[in-house]
Amino acid sequence: MSAFSHGDARLLPLEGKRIGNTNTARIPEEYLQLLLPNANVHYWQNGQVYVLSQHMVLGVYSLWIHDVVADGAQDILPYVPHPLYTLHYMFESGLDVRFPDSEPFRLEEDTCNLFYLEPGVSRLPLEEDLKALSVLINILPEHISALTADFPDLHKRLQQHRSGNQVINKQPFTVTTVNRMLISKILTCRYLRDDAAVFLERCCADLFRIFCRQYNVAMVVPPAENDNYNKVFEYMRTYPHVRCDLRYFSRMFHIPEHEIEAGFLSYFAISIHDCSHMLKMMTAFDLIIQHGQSFGDIAIRVGMETEKMIHAIEAYYNIKVAAQRN
């Protein structure tokens, strides 16, 4: 059998429909805590390589999560059934992927890249004692123009692209604290059915828009103390009811007031006001799904008036709040 035959047991699909799920009785106990309730789940072993693959369709996005462990050196074969763009996040290890008819590409740990991939099989050599986590947000080519229309530099780059496997951003983007939080929300999401679909689709949309801004945002004011911007973010995350007050944040975290807005945007590729709003919406959505508090109490928790909060959540997640409580 050819190493690139579609019948090869080492094939790792990166897109496409897979019929059925792996019975949880066949999945090792240590993986069970990683399972997403709303995902299609496939676990397989080939030689000394173990792969837990989960995926779900979320509007225009297709989310794929691969946990890979290699006890011995071996190749696996990522497979793409049709053309697509994939926003890829790499964690825990770095890997060298070898695409057909193109130069090898290094997937660095804690980085993200947007790839255009054509149908076919690639080769991914795994070293002994390797553990890697791969998170992919896939987008079909027919959707990419609408999703990048607000980002002229990236949109122009994609319009100029013709054919062949390639990475769109020439230098990998580092995963920031904001990216990491969104990825963590995806990996730990335990919502069911429609709740999970709504929440995860918004996470994918936020991650993709952050990537687009990373590609387009110029470094207006270089953050002198990146750690201070991380502290601002963690403060907003811990206290979502707090108003986004630049003067207050400037004094608390020792960042010049004239720099903080542009510096936050340059560092995280999301504005400080949008980030604050995102954290409020995530907190409110979670509390609404739990059914344990009134809308008024939830509004207090996120520092908003009740009616404004309800309208904001409905706009942010494209839902009707009343339906989430039925």
Foldseek 3Di string as FASTA:
>chain_A
DDPFDPPDPLEDEPDDDDPAADDVVPPDPVCPQQDAQAWRWYWDDDDQKTWIWTWDDFVQKIKIKIKIWGQAKDKGKYFYAAKKKKKKAKADAKWWKADPPDDIDIRGHQWIWIKIDGGGIIITIDHHGGIMMMMIIIGHPVCVLVLLVVQVVLNVQVVPDDDDIDTSDPDTHGHDPVNVVLVVCLSNPHDDDPLNSLSNSLSSSVNVQLVSLLSRPDLPDADPDVVLLVVVLVVCLVQLQDDPDLVVSCVVSVNPSVCNQSNNCNVRVDGPNVSSLVSLLVQLSVVLLVVPDDLCVSCNSNNHHSVVNQVSNCVSRVDRSVVSND
